[in-house]
Amino acid sequence: MNRLKTSRRILETTTGRRQLRRMVSEVRRGILGTHSSDGMCFAVCVPLQGYLHCLGYEAELVEADFGKRNHVWLELSDGTIIDPTADQFSTPLARLPRVYIGPLPTMYEQWMGQRA
C-alpha cells in the first residue's frame, strides 16, 4: 500500500485524527513557542505542509481573503482542513481551538462570502 493510501486510512480513525492533531500542535509550538498565532498562519503552514508531505499526507496550501487580512491553512484531498493558527480568529461568540482539523468552519465561509 502506498504512503498516501495509508495516510488516508490513518486519518479515518479516531486515533489517527488525535495523532495528527498532536503532531500539528507540536509543529505549531516548535515554530511559535509562546508567541501569539496572530498573523503567523503562512509561517506555520508552509513548514507543516512539507512535514506532512514527508509523512505521506498531501496537503494543499489555501489562501483566503477575510477582508482586513488574508488567512492561510492546509486542505487535504478529502476536503479536511488543517488550520494550525485558527485561534487568531476566535471571537467572544465563536471560540476556535489553537489547532483546527475538520470541515471548513462556517465562519470562514461567511467571511469569504462577504468579501466576494
PDB file of N, CA and C in Angstrom:
ATOM      1  N   MET A   1       0.852  -1.177   0.000  1.00  0.00           N
ATOM      2  CA  MET A   1       0.000   0.000   0.000  1.00  0.00           C
ATOM      3  C   MET A   1       0.897   1.238   0.000  1.00  0.00           C
ATOM      4  N   ASN A   2       0.558   2.230  -0.822  1.00  0.00           N
ATOM      5  CA  ASN A   2       1.407   3.413  -0.866  1.00  0.00           C
ATOM      6  C   ASN A   2       1.158   4.314   0.337  1.00  0.00           C
ATOM      7  N   ARG A   3       2.073   5.271   0.561  1.00  0.00           N
ATOM      8  CA  ARG A   3       2.003   6.139   1.745  1.00  0.00           C
ATOM      9  C   ARG A   3       0.734   6.967   1.781  1.00  0.00           C
ATOM     10  N   LEU A   4       0.263   7.457   0.638  1.00  0.00           N
ATOM     11  CA  LEU A   4      -0.920   8.313   0.613  1.00  0.00           C
ATOM     12  C   LEU A   4      -2.156   7.535   1.056  1.00  0.00           C
ATOM     13  N   LYS A   5      -2.323   6.309   0.554  1.00  0.00           N
ATOM     14  CA  LYS A   5      -3.469   5.495   0.967  1.00  0.00           C
ATOM     15  C   LYS A   5      -3.388   5.173   2.452  1.00  0.00           C
ATOM     16  N   THR A   6      -2.196   4.867   2.929  1.00  0.00           N
ATOM     17  CA  THR A   6      -2.009   4.583   4.347  1.00  0.00           C
ATOM     18  C   THR A   6      -2.372   5.807   5.180  1.00  0.00           C
ATOM     19  N   SER A   7      -1.952   6.984   4.752  1.00  0.00           N
ATOM     20  CA  SER A   7      -2.254   8.226   5.475  1.00  0.00           C
ATOM     21  C   SER A   7      -3.750   8.471   5.532  1.00  0.00           C
ATOM     22  N   ARG A   8      -4.450   8.238   4.439  1.00  0.00           N
ATOM     23  CA  ARG A   8      -5.912   8.427   4.424  1.00  0.00           C
ATOM     24  C   ARG A   8      -6.585   7.490   5.413  1.00  0.00           C
ATOM     25  N   ARG A   9      -6.145   6.242   5.432  1.00  0.00           N
ATOM     26  CA  ARG A   9      -6.734   5.276   6.362  1.00  0.00           C
ATOM     27  C   ARG A   9      -6.474   5.676   7.799  1.00  0.00           C
ATOM     28  N   ILE A  10      -5.279   6.134   8.100  1.00  0.00           N
ATOM     29  CA  ILE A  10      -4.943   6.561   9.461  1.00  0.00           C
ATOM     30  C   ILE A  10      -5.828   7.727   9.872  1.00  0.00           C
ATOM     31  N   LEU A  11      -6.035   8.694   8.983  1.00  0.00           N
ATOM     32  CA  LEU A  11      -6.837   9.873   9.293  1.00  0.00           C
ATOM     33  C   LEU A  11      -8.294   9.502   9.548  1.00  0.00           C
ATOM     34  N   GLU A  12      -8.764   8.409   8.962  1.00  0.00           N
ATOM     35  CA  GLU A  12     -10.154   7.999   9.129  1.00  0.00           C
ATOM     36  C   GLU A  12     -10.425   7.408  10.512  1.00  0.00           C
ATOM     37  N   THR A  13      -9.396   7.106  11.277  1.00  0.00           N
ATOM     38  CA  THR A  13      -9.594   6.551  12.611  1.00  0.00           C
ATOM     39  C   THR A  13      -9.508   7.656  13.655  1.00  0.00           C
ATOM     40  N   THR A  14     -10.189   7.442  14.782  1.00  0.00           N
ATOM     41  CA  THR A  14     -10.140   8.425  15.871  1.00  0.00           C
ATOM     42  C   THR A  14      -8.715   8.591  16.365  1.00  0.00           C
ATOM     43  N   THR A  15      -8.002   7.490  16.504  1.00  0.00           N
ATOM     44  CA  THR A  15      -6.615   7.542  16.958  1.00  0.00           C
ATOM     45  C   THR A  15      -5.762   8.318  15.963  1.00  0.00           C
ATOM     46  N   GLY A  16      -5.992   8.093  14.675  1.00  0.00           N
ATOM     47  CA  GLY A  16      -5.239   8.805  13.644  1.00  0.00           C
ATOM     48  C   GLY A  16      -5.478  10.300  13.684  1.00  0.00           C
ATOM     49  N   ARG A  17      -6.723  10.703  13.892  1.00  0.00           N
ATOM     50  CA  ARG A  17      -7.027  12.137  13.977  1.00  0.00           C
ATOM     51  C   ARG A  17      -6.367  12.757  15.201  1.00  0.00           C
ATOM     52  N   ARG A  18      -6.379  12.025  16.319  1.00  0.00           N
ATOM     53  CA  ARG A  18      -5.715  12.528  17.536  1.00  0.00           C
ATOM     54  C   ARG A  18      -4.213  12.674  17.303  1.00  0.00           C
ATOM     55  N   GLN A  19      -3.625  11.675  16.639  1.00  0.00           N
ATOM     56  CA  GLN A  19      -2.191  11.736  16.359  1.00  0.00           C
ATOM     57  C   GLN A  19      -1.866  12.910  15.445  1.00  0.00           C
ATOM     58  N   LEU A  20      -2.715  13.140  14.435  1.00  0.00           N
ATOM     59  CA  LEU A  20      -2.497  14.263  13.526  1.00  0.00           C
ATOM     60  C   LEU A  20      -2.596  15.580  14.292  1.00  0.00           C
ATOM     61  N   ARG A  21      -3.615  15.725  15.141  1.00  0.00           N
ATOM     62  CA  ARG A  21      -3.776  16.950  15.928  1.00  0.00           C
ATOM     63  C   ARG A  21      -2.557  17.181  16.824  1.00  0.00           C
ATOM     64  N   ARG A  22      -2.084  16.121  17.458  1.00  0.00           N
ATOM     65  CA  ARG A  22      -0.916  16.231  18.338  1.00  0.00           C
ATOM     66  C   ARG A  22       0.314  16.652  17.535  1.00  0.00           C
ATOM     67  N   MET A  23       0.498  16.044  16.373  1.00  0.00           N
ATOM     68  CA  MET A  23       1.649  16.358  15.535  1.00  0.00           C
ATOM     69  C   MET A  23       1.594  17.816  15.057  1.00  0.00           C
ATOM     70  N   VAL A  24       0.415  18.256  14.596  1.00  0.00           N
ATOM     71  CA  VAL A  24       0.263  19.639  14.130  1.00  0.00           C
ATOM     72  C   VAL A  24       0.508  20.607  15.290  1.00  0.00           C
ATOM     73  N   SER A  25       0.010  20.264  16.462  1.00  0.00           N
ATOM     74  CA  SER A  25       0.215  21.111  17.647  1.00  0.00           C
ATOM     75  C   SER A  25       1.700  21.224  17.993  1.00  0.00           C
ATOM     76  N   GLU A  26       2.426  20.128  17.850  1.00  0.00           N
ATOM     77  CA  GLU A  26       3.859  20.153  18.140  1.00  0.00           C
ATOM     78  C   GLU A  26       4.618  21.021  17.142  1.00  0.00           C
ATOM     79  N   VAL A  27       4.243  20.948  15.864  1.00  0.00           N
ATOM     80  CA  VAL A  27       4.881  21.798  14.854  1.00  0.00           C
ATOM     81  C   VAL A  27       4.588  23.261  15.163  1.00  0.00           C
ATOM     82  N   ARG A  28       3.333  23.560  15.488  1.00  0.00           N
ATOM     83  CA  ARG A  28       2.943  24.939  15.829  1.00  0.00           C
ATOM     84  C   ARG A  28       3.774  25.436  17.016  1.00  0.00           C
ATOM     85  N   ARG A  29       3.845  24.620  18.065  1.00  0.00           N
ATOM     86  CA  ARG A  29       4.583  25.000  19.262  1.00  0.00           C
ATOM     87  C   ARG A  29       6.064  25.196  18.946  1.00  0.00           C
ATOM     88  N   GLY A  30       6.617  24.338  18.073  1.00  0.00           N
ATOM     89  CA  GLY A  30       8.022  24.469  17.702  1.00  0.00           C
ATOM     90  C   GLY A  30       8.316  25.761  16.954  1.00  0.00           C
ATOM     91  N   ILE A  31       7.355  26.251  16.188  1.00  0.00           N
ATOM     92  CA  ILE A  31       7.558  27.484  15.418  1.00  0.00           C
ATOM     93  C   ILE A  31       7.213  28.723  16.246  1.00  0.00           C
ATOM     94  N   LEU A  32       6.079  28.677  16.931  1.00  0.00           N
ATOM     95  CA  LEU A  32       5.604  29.863  17.657  1.00  0.00           C
ATOM     96  C   LEU A  32       6.106  29.958  19.093  1.00  0.00           C
ATOM     97  N   GLY A  33       6.429  28.831  19.689  1.00  0.00           N
ATOM     98  CA  GLY A  33       6.782  28.852  21.110  1.00  0.00           C
ATOM     99  C   GLY A  33       5.605  29.397  21.908  1.00  0.00           C
ATOM    100  N   THR A  34       5.840  30.429  22.680  1.00  0.00           N
ATOM    101  CA  THR A  34       4.774  31.037  23.485  1.00  0.00           C
ATOM    102  C   THR A  34       4.189  32.279  22.819  1.00  0.00           C
ATOM    103  N   HIS A  35       4.606  32.575  21.604  1.00  0.00           N
ATOM    104  CA  HIS A  35       4.128  33.760  20.897  1.00  0.00           C
ATOM    105  C   HIS A  35       2.725  33.557  20.332  1.00  0.00           C
ATOM    106  N   SER A  36       2.047  34.635  20.075  1.00  0.00           N
ATOM    107  CA  SER A  36       0.702  34.617  19.504  1.00  0.00           C
ATOM    108  C   SER A  36       0.729  34.066  18.078  1.00  0.00           C
ATOM    109  N   SER A  37      -0.382  33.469  17.683  1.00  0.00           N
ATOM    110  CA  SER A  37      -0.504  32.973  16.309  1.00  0.00           C
ATOM    111  C   SER A  37      -0.987  34.058  15.357  1.00  0.00           C
ATOM    112  N   ASP A  38      -1.298  35.219  15.867  1.00  0.00           N
ATOM    113  CA  ASP A  38      -1.837  36.307  15.056  1.00  0.00           C
ATOM    114  C   ASP A  38      -0.887  36.672  13.919  1.00  0.00           C
ATOM    115  N   GLY A  39      -1.358  36.509  12.700  1.00  0.00           N
ATOM    116  CA  GLY A  39      -0.574  36.845  11.522  1.00  0.00           C
ATOM    117  C   GLY A  39       0.519  35.841  11.177  1.00  0.00           C
ATOM    118  N   MET A  40       0.512  34.687  11.812  1.00  0.00           N
ATOM    119  CA  MET A  40       1.581  33.705  11.611  1.00  0.00           C
ATOM    120  C   MET A  40       1.149  32.480  10.815  1.00  0.00           C
ATOM    121  N   CYS A  41      -0.010  32.538  10.181  1.00  0.00           N
ATOM    122  CA  CYS A  41      -0.541  31.357   9.505  1.00  0.00           C
ATOM    123  C   CYS A  41       0.392  30.836   8.409  1.00  0.00           C
ATOM    124  N   PHE A  42       0.919  31.708   7.575  1.00  0.00           N
ATOM    125  CA  PHE A  42       1.815  31.278   6.496  1.00  0.00           C
ATOM    126  C   PHE A  42       3.098  30.679   7.079  1.00  0.00           C
ATOM    127  N   ALA A  43       3.634  31.339   8.091  1.00  0.00           N
ATOM    128  CA  ALA A  43       4.893  30.886   8.704  1.00  0.00           C
ATOM    129  C   ALA A  43       4.772  29.511   9.351  1.00  0.00           C
ATOM    130  N   VAL A  44       3.562  29.142   9.767  1.00  0.00           N
ATOM    131  CA  VAL A  44       3.352  27.825  10.357  1.00  0.00           C
ATOM    132  C   VAL A  44       2.942  26.812   9.286  1.00  0.00           C
ATOM    133  N   CYS A  45       2.103  27.223   8.358  1.00  0.00           N
ATOM    134  CA  CYS A  45       1.556  26.282   7.367  1.00  0.00           C
ATOM    135  C   CYS A  45       2.581  25.766   6.372  1.00  0.00           C
ATOM    136  N   VAL A  46       3.485  26.595   5.915  1.00  0.00           N
ATOM    137  CA  VAL A  46       4.432  26.150   4.887  1.00  0.00           C
ATOM    138  C   VAL A  46       5.345  25.034   5.396  1.00  0.00           C
ATOM    139  N   PRO A  47       6.008  25.191   6.543  1.00  0.00           N
ATOM    140  CA  PRO A  47       6.818  24.068   7.008  1.00  0.00           C
ATOM    141  C   PRO A  47       5.967  22.851   7.395  1.00  0.00           C
ATOM    142  N   LEU A  48       4.765  23.099   7.916  1.00  0.00           N
ATOM    143  CA  LEU A  48       3.868  21.995   8.252  1.00  0.00           C
ATOM    144  C   LEU A  48       3.497  21.207   7.002  1.00  0.00           C
ATOM    145  N   GLN A  49       3.253  21.902   5.895  1.00  0.00           N
ATOM    146  CA  GLN A  49       2.918  21.239   4.637  1.00  0.00           C
ATOM    147  C   GLN A  49       4.055  20.306   4.207  1.00  0.00           C
ATOM    148  N   GLY A  50       5.278  20.778   4.289  1.00  0.00           N
ATOM    149  CA  GLY A  50       6.430  19.946   3.931  1.00  0.00           C
ATOM    150  C   GLY A  50       6.579  18.745   4.840  1.00  0.00           C
ATOM    151  N   TYR A  51       6.371  18.942   6.129  1.00  0.00           N
ATOM    152  CA  TYR A  51       6.462  17.851   7.092  1.00  0.00           C
ATOM    153  C   TYR A  51       5.384  16.803   6.823  1.00  0.00           C
ATOM    154  N   LEU A  52       4.159  17.261   6.601  1.00  0.00           N
ATOM    155  CA  LEU A  52       3.070  16.330   6.309  1.00  0.00           C
ATOM    156  C   LEU A  52       3.345  15.545   5.031  1.00  0.00           C
ATOM    157  N   HIS A  53       3.902  16.222   4.029  1.00  0.00           N
ATOM    158  CA  HIS A  53       4.244  15.545   2.770  1.00  0.00           C
ATOM    159  C   HIS A  53       5.234  14.398   3.027  1.00  0.00           C
ATOM    160  N   CYS A  54       6.221  14.651   3.864  1.00  0.00           N
ATOM    161  CA  CYS A  54       7.201  13.606   4.195  1.00  0.00           C
ATOM    162  C   CYS A  54       6.537  12.413   4.871  1.00  0.00           C
ATOM    163  N   LEU A  55       5.419  12.648   5.560  1.00  0.00           N
ATOM    164  CA  LEU A  55       4.698  11.577   6.245  1.00  0.00           C
ATOM    165  C   LEU A  55       3.638  10.920   5.369  1.00  0.00           C
ATOM    166  N   GLY A  56       3.490  11.417   4.118  1.00  0.00           N
ATOM    167  CA  GLY A  56       2.544  10.811   3.195  1.00  0.00           C
ATOM    168  C   GLY A  56       1.210  11.525   3.081  1.00  0.00           C
ATOM    169  N   TYR A  57       1.066  12.663   3.735  1.00  0.00           N
ATOM    170  CA  TYR A  57      -0.171  13.445   3.616  1.00  0.00           C
ATOM    171  C   TYR A  57       0.010  14.477   2.513  1.00  0.00           C
ATOM    172  N   GLU A  58      -0.900  14.501   1.552  1.00  0.00           N
ATOM    173  CA  GLU A  58      -0.866  15.526   0.510  1.00  0.00           C
ATOM    174  C   GLU A  58      -1.784  16.657   0.971  1.00  0.00           C
ATOM    175  N   ALA A  59      -1.214  17.809   1.204  1.00  0.00           N
ATOM    176  CA  ALA A  59      -1.973  18.955   1.708  1.00  0.00           C
ATOM    177  C   ALA A  59      -1.701  20.165   0.825  1.00  0.00           C
ATOM    178  N   GLU A  60      -2.770  20.794   0.388  1.00  0.00           N
ATOM    179  CA  GLU A  60      -2.664  21.988  -0.458  1.00  0.00           C
ATOM    180  C   GLU A  60      -2.721  23.235   0.420  1.00  0.00           C
ATOM    181  N   LEU A  61      -1.882  24.195   0.116  1.00  0.00           N
ATOM    182  CA  LEU A  61      -1.895  25.478   0.812  1.00  0.00           C
ATOM    183  C   LEU A  61      -3.038  26.312   0.235  1.00  0.00           C
ATOM    184  N   VAL A  62      -3.933  26.774   1.096  1.00  0.00           N
ATOM    185  CA  VAL A  62      -5.097  27.553   0.673  1.00  0.00           C
ATOM    186  C   VAL A  62      -4.989  28.946   1.289  1.00  0.00           C
ATOM    187  N   GLU A  63      -5.251  29.968   0.469  1.00  0.00           N
ATOM    188  CA  GLU A  63      -5.254  31.344   0.966  1.00  0.00           C
ATOM    189  C   GLU A  63      -6.624  31.947   0.677  1.00  0.00           C
ATOM    190  N   ALA A  64      -7.181  32.635   1.669  1.00  0.00           N
ATOM    191  CA  ALA A  64      -8.492  33.260   1.506  1.00  0.00           C
ATOM    192  C   ALA A  64      -8.451  34.689   2.032  1.00  0.00           C
ATOM    193  N   ASP A  65      -9.264  35.521   1.430  1.00  0.00           N
ATOM    194  CA  ASP A  65      -9.383  36.921   1.837  1.00  0.00           C
ATOM    195  C   ASP A  65     -10.477  37.040   2.882  1.00  0.00           C
ATOM    196  N   PHE A  66     -10.104  37.471   4.075  1.00  0.00           N
ATOM    197  CA  PHE A  66     -11.073  37.681   5.152  1.00  0.00           C
ATOM    198  C   PHE A  66     -11.344  39.172   5.355  1.00  0.00           C
ATOM    199  N   GLY A  67     -11.069  39.982   4.362  1.00  0.00           N
ATOM    200  CA  GLY A  67     -11.347  41.418   4.469  1.00  0.00           C
ATOM    201  C   GLY A  67     -10.105  42.199   4.825  1.00  0.00           C
ATOM    202  N   LYS A  68      -9.951  42.519   6.096  1.00  0.00           N
ATOM    203  CA  LYS A  68      -8.804  43.315   6.532  1.00  0.00           C
ATOM    204  C   LYS A  68      -7.500  42.533   6.456  1.00  0.00           C
ATOM    205  N   ARG A  69      -7.613  41.221   6.342  1.00  0.00           N
ATOM    206  CA  ARG A  69      -6.412  40.380   6.245  1.00  0.00           C
ATOM    207  C   ARG A  69      -6.738  39.102   5.491  1.00  0.00           C
ATOM    208  N   ASN A  70      -5.684  38.454   5.045  1.00  0.00           N
ATOM    209  CA  ASN A  70      -5.877  37.144   4.426  1.00  0.00           C
ATOM    210  C   ASN A  70      -5.557  36.073   5.454  1.00  0.00           C
ATOM    211  N   HIS A  71      -5.872  34.842   5.119  1.00  0.00           N
ATOM    212  CA  HIS A  71      -5.576  33.731   6.022  1.00  0.00           C
ATOM    213  C   HIS A  71      -5.152  32.542   5.183  1.00  0.00           C
ATOM    214  N   VAL A  72      -4.281  31.729   5.747  1.00  0.00           N
ATOM    215  CA  VAL A  72      -3.735  30.557   5.068  1.00  0.00           C
ATOM    216  C   VAL A  72      -3.953  29.335   5.949  1.00  0.00           C
ATOM    217  N   TRP A  73      -4.343  28.221   5.315  1.00  0.00           N
ATOM    218  CA  TRP A  73      -4.462  26.942   6.008  1.00  0.00           C
ATOM    219  C   TRP A  73      -4.143  25.847   5.009  1.00  0.00           C
ATOM    220  N   LEU A  74      -4.167  24.612   5.448  1.00  0.00           N
ATOM    221  CA  LEU A  74      -3.913  23.471   4.578  1.00  0.00           C
ATOM    222  C   LEU A  74      -5.207  22.704   4.355  1.00  0.00           C
ATOM    223  N   GLU A  75      -5.342  22.125   3.164  1.00  0.00           N
ATOM    224  CA  GLU A  75      -6.512  21.313   2.868  1.00  0.00           C
ATOM    225  C   GLU A  75      -6.054  19.966   2.322  1.00  0.00           C
ATOM    226  N   LEU A  76      -6.568  18.904   2.925  1.00  0.00           N
ATOM    227  CA  LEU A  76      -6.272  17.546   2.464  1.00  0.00           C
ATOM    228  C   LEU A  76      -7.165  17.214   1.272  1.00  0.00           C
ATOM    229  N   SER A  77      -6.826  16.155   0.555  1.00  0.00           N
ATOM    230  CA  SER A  77      -7.571  15.800  -0.664  1.00  0.00           C
ATOM    231  C   SER A  77      -9.034  15.469  -0.391  1.00  0.00           C
ATOM    232  N   ASP A  78      -9.367  15.073   0.837  1.00  0.00           N
ATOM    233  CA  ASP A  78     -10.763  14.759   1.160  1.00  0.00           C
ATOM    234  C   ASP A  78     -11.559  15.985   1.619  1.00  0.00           C
ATOM    235  N   GLY A  79     -10.937  17.165   1.567  1.00  0.00           N
ATOM    236  CA  GLY A  79     -11.623  18.390   1.957  1.00  0.00           C
ATOM    237  C   GLY A  79     -11.407  18.791   3.406  1.00  0.00           C
ATOM    238  N   THR A  80     -10.776  17.938   4.190  1.00  0.00           N
ATOM    239  CA  THR A  80     -10.473  18.269   5.581  1.00  0.00           C
ATOM    240  C   THR A  80      -9.468  19.402   5.612  1.00  0.00           C
ATOM    241  N   ILE A  81      -9.739  20.411   6.437  1.00  0.00           N
ATOM    242  CA  ILE A  81      -8.752  21.479   6.556  1.00  0.00           C
ATOM    243  C   ILE A  81      -7.960  21.305   7.840  1.00  0.00           C
ATOM    244  N   ILE A  82      -6.735  21.748   7.775  1.00  0.00           N
ATOM    245  CA  ILE A  82      -5.848  21.788   8.932  1.00  0.00           C
ATOM    246  C   ILE A  82      -5.458  23.248   9.094  1.00  0.00           C
ATOM    247  N   ASP A  83      -5.928  23.854  10.164  1.00  0.00           N
ATOM    248  CA  ASP A  83      -5.616  25.254  10.427  1.00  0.00           C
ATOM    249  C   ASP A  83      -4.855  25.333  11.747  1.00  0.00           C
ATOM    250  N   PRO A  84      -3.525  25.415  11.674  1.00  0.00           N
ATOM    251  CA  PRO A  84      -2.720  25.421  12.892  1.00  0.00           C
ATOM    252  C   PRO A  84      -2.716  26.757  13.630  1.00  0.00           C
ATOM    253  N   THR A  85      -3.405  27.749  13.085  1.00  0.00           N
ATOM    254  CA  THR A  85      -3.474  29.063  13.754  1.00  0.00           C
ATOM    255  C   THR A  85      -4.911  29.573  13.810  1.00  0.00           C
ATOM    256  N   ALA A  86      -5.861  28.683  13.905  1.00  0.00           N
ATOM    257  CA  ALA A  86      -7.280  29.056  13.903  1.00  0.00           C
ATOM    258  C   ALA A  86      -7.631  29.985  15.055  1.00  0.00           C
ATOM    259  N   ASP A  87      -6.959  29.840  16.170  1.00  0.00           N
ATOM    260  CA  ASP A  87      -7.305  30.630  17.351  1.00  0.00           C
ATOM    261  C   ASP A  87      -7.185  32.134  17.142  1.00  0.00           C
ATOM    262  N   GLN A  88      -6.434  32.562  16.154  1.00  0.00           N
ATOM    263  CA  GLN A  88      -6.311  34.001  15.922  1.00  0.00           C
ATOM    264  C   GLN A  88      -7.625  34.628  15.456  1.00  0.00           C
ATOM    265  N   PHE A  89      -8.600  33.798  15.055  1.00  0.00           N
ATOM    266  CA  PHE A  89      -9.890  34.304  14.597  1.00  0.00           C
ATOM    267  C   PHE A  89     -11.020  34.038  15.589  1.00  0.00           C
ATOM    268  N   SER A  90     -10.676  33.642  16.802  1.00  0.00           N
ATOM    269  CA  SER A  90     -11.706  33.452  17.823  1.00  0.00           C
ATOM    270  C   SER A  90     -12.367  34.787  18.145  1.00  0.00           C
ATOM    271  N   THR A  91     -13.646  34.714  18.411  1.00  0.00           N
ATOM    272  CA  THR A  91     -14.414  35.884  18.840  1.00  0.00           C
ATOM    273  C   THR A  91     -15.105  35.512  20.150  1.00  0.00           C
ATOM    274  N   PRO A  92     -15.642  36.503  20.864  1.00  0.00           N
ATOM    275  CA  PRO A  92     -16.366  36.168  22.097  1.00  0.00           C
ATOM    276  C   PRO A  92     -17.534  35.202  21.847  1.00  0.00           C
ATOM    277  N   LEU A  93     -18.103  35.240  20.652  1.00  0.00           N
ATOM    278  CA  LEU A  93     -19.233  34.369  20.338  1.00  0.00           C
ATOM    279  C   LEU A  93     -18.828  33.049  19.708  1.00  0.00           C
ATOM    280  N   ALA A  94     -17.646  32.977  19.158  1.00  0.00           N
ATOM    281  CA  ALA A  94     -17.191  31.759  18.471  1.00  0.00           C
ATOM    282  C   ALA A  94     -15.722  31.506  18.808  1.00  0.00           C
ATOM    283  N   ARG A  95     -15.495  30.592  19.714  1.00  0.00           N
ATOM    284  CA  ARG A  95     -14.135  30.239  20.104  1.00  0.00           C
ATOM    285  C   ARG A  95     -13.602  29.144  19.177  1.00  0.00           C
ATOM    286  N   LEU A  96     -12.443  29.382  18.648  1.00  0.00           N
ATOM    287  CA  LEU A  96     -11.782  28.378  17.811  1.00  0.00           C
ATOM    288  C   LEU A  96     -10.592  27.811  18.578  1.00  0.00           C
ATOM    289  N   PRO A  97     -10.295  26.537  18.388  1.00  0.00           N
ATOM    290  CA  PRO A  97      -9.135  25.940  19.066  1.00  0.00           C
ATOM    291  C   PRO A  97      -7.839  26.452  18.439  1.00  0.00           C
ATOM    292  N   ARG A  98      -6.756  26.253  19.134  1.00  0.00           N
ATOM    293  CA  ARG A  98      -5.450  26.634  18.575  1.00  0.00           C
ATOM    294  C   ARG A  98      -5.223  25.931  17.249  1.00  0.00           C
ATOM    295  N   VAL A  99      -5.486  24.643  17.223  1.00  0.00           N
ATOM    296  CA  VAL A  99      -5.349  23.834  16.007  1.00  0.00           C
ATOM    297  C   VAL A  99      -6.728  23.307  15.653  1.00  0.00           C
ATOM    298  N   TYR A 100      -7.180  23.627  14.449  1.00  0.00           N
ATOM    299  CA  TYR A 100      -8.482  23.149  13.982  1.00  0.00           C
ATOM    300  C   TYR A 100      -8.256  22.144  12.863  1.00  0.00           C
ATOM    301  N   ILE A 101      -8.902  20.983  12.978  1.00  0.00           N
ATOM    302  CA  ILE A 101      -8.872  19.974  11.917  1.00  0.00           C
ATOM    303  C   ILE A 101     -10.312  19.537  11.701  1.00  0.00           C
ATOM    304  N   GLY A 102     -10.817  19.721  10.490  1.00  0.00           N
ATOM    305  CA  GLY A 102     -12.197  19.356  10.197  1.00  0.00           C
ATOM    306  C   GLY A 102     -12.667  20.030   8.923  1.00  0.00           C
ATOM    307  N   PRO A 103     -13.988  20.109   8.761  1.00  0.00           N
ATOM    308  CA  PRO A 103     -14.521  20.800   7.578  1.00  0.00           C
ATOM    309  C   PRO A 103     -14.291  22.306   7.706  1.00  0.00           C
ATOM    310  N   LEU A 104     -14.409  23.011   6.592  1.00  0.00           N
ATOM    311  CA  LEU A 104     -14.238  24.460   6.604  1.00  0.00           C
ATOM    312  C   LEU A 104     -15.240  25.069   7.580  1.00  0.00           C
ATOM    313  N   PRO A 105     -14.774  25.824   8.577  1.00  0.00           N
ATOM    314  CA  PRO A 105     -15.698  26.417   9.543  1.00  0.00           C
ATOM    315  C   PRO A 105     -16.699  27.365   8.865  1.00  0.00           C
ATOM    316  N   THR A 106     -17.916  27.340   9.348  1.00  0.00           N
ATOM    317  CA  THR A 106     -18.967  28.199   8.800  1.00  0.00           C
ATOM    318  C   THR A 106     -18.553  29.661   8.824  1.00  0.00           C
ATOM    319  N   MET A 107     -17.890  30.074   9.902  1.00  0.00           N
ATOM    320  CA  MET A 107     -17.492  31.480   9.984  1.00  0.00           C
ATOM    321  C   MET A 107     -16.497  31.839   8.882  1.00  0.00           C
ATOM    322  N   TYR A 108     -15.639  30.920   8.477  1.00  0.00           N
ATOM    323  CA  TYR A 108     -14.718  31.184   7.367  1.00  0.00           C
ATOM    324  C   TYR A 108     -15.519  31.374   6.077  1.00  0.00           C
ATOM    325  N   GLU A 109     -16.482  30.483   5.850  1.00  0.00           N
ATOM    326  CA  GLU A 109     -17.316  30.586   4.652  1.00  0.00           C
ATOM    327  C   GLU A 109     -18.041  31.927   4.617  1.00  0.00           C
ATOM    328  N   GLN A 110     -18.557  32.355   5.758  1.00  0.00           N
ATOM    329  CA  GLN A 110     -19.266  33.637   5.831  1.00  0.00           C
ATOM    330  C   GLN A 110     -18.329  34.791   5.527  1.00  0.00           C
ATOM    331  N   TRP A 111     -17.140  34.778   6.122  1.00  0.00           N
ATOM    332  CA  TRP A 111     -16.182  35.863   5.881  1.00  0.00           C
ATOM    333  C   TRP A 111     -15.766  35.916   4.426  1.00  0.00           C
ATOM    334  N   MET A 112     -15.548  34.746   3.809  1.00  0.00           N
ATOM    335  CA  MET A 112     -15.148  34.712   2.403  1.00  0.00           C
ATOM    336  C   MET A 112     -16.301  35.169   1.520  1.00  0.00           C
ATOM    337  N   GLY A 113     -17.542  34.813   1.862  1.00  0.00           N
ATOM    338  CA  GLY A 113     -18.723  35.216   1.103  1.00  0.00           C
ATOM    339  C   GLY A 113     -18.975  36.706   1.173  1.00  0.00           C
ATOM    340  N   GLN A 114     -18.651  37.312   2.289  1.00  0.00           N
ATOM    341  CA  GLN A 114     -18.849  38.753   2.444  1.00  0.00           C
ATOM    342  C   GLN A 114     -17.849  39.539   1.613  1.00  0.00           C
ATOM    343  N   ARG A 115     -16.730  38.897   1.264  1.00  0.00           N
ATOM    344  CA  ARG A 115     -15.673  39.590   0.514  1.00  0.00           C
ATOM    345  C   ARG A 115     -15.804  39.385  -0.976  1.00  0.00           C
ATOM    346  N   ALA A 116     -16.720  38.489  -1.387  1.00  0.00           N
ATOM    347  CA  ALA A 116     -16.834  38.155  -2.817  1.00  0.00           C
ATOM    348  C   ALA A 116     -17.499  39.276  -3.597  1.00  0.00           C
TER     349      ALA A 116
END
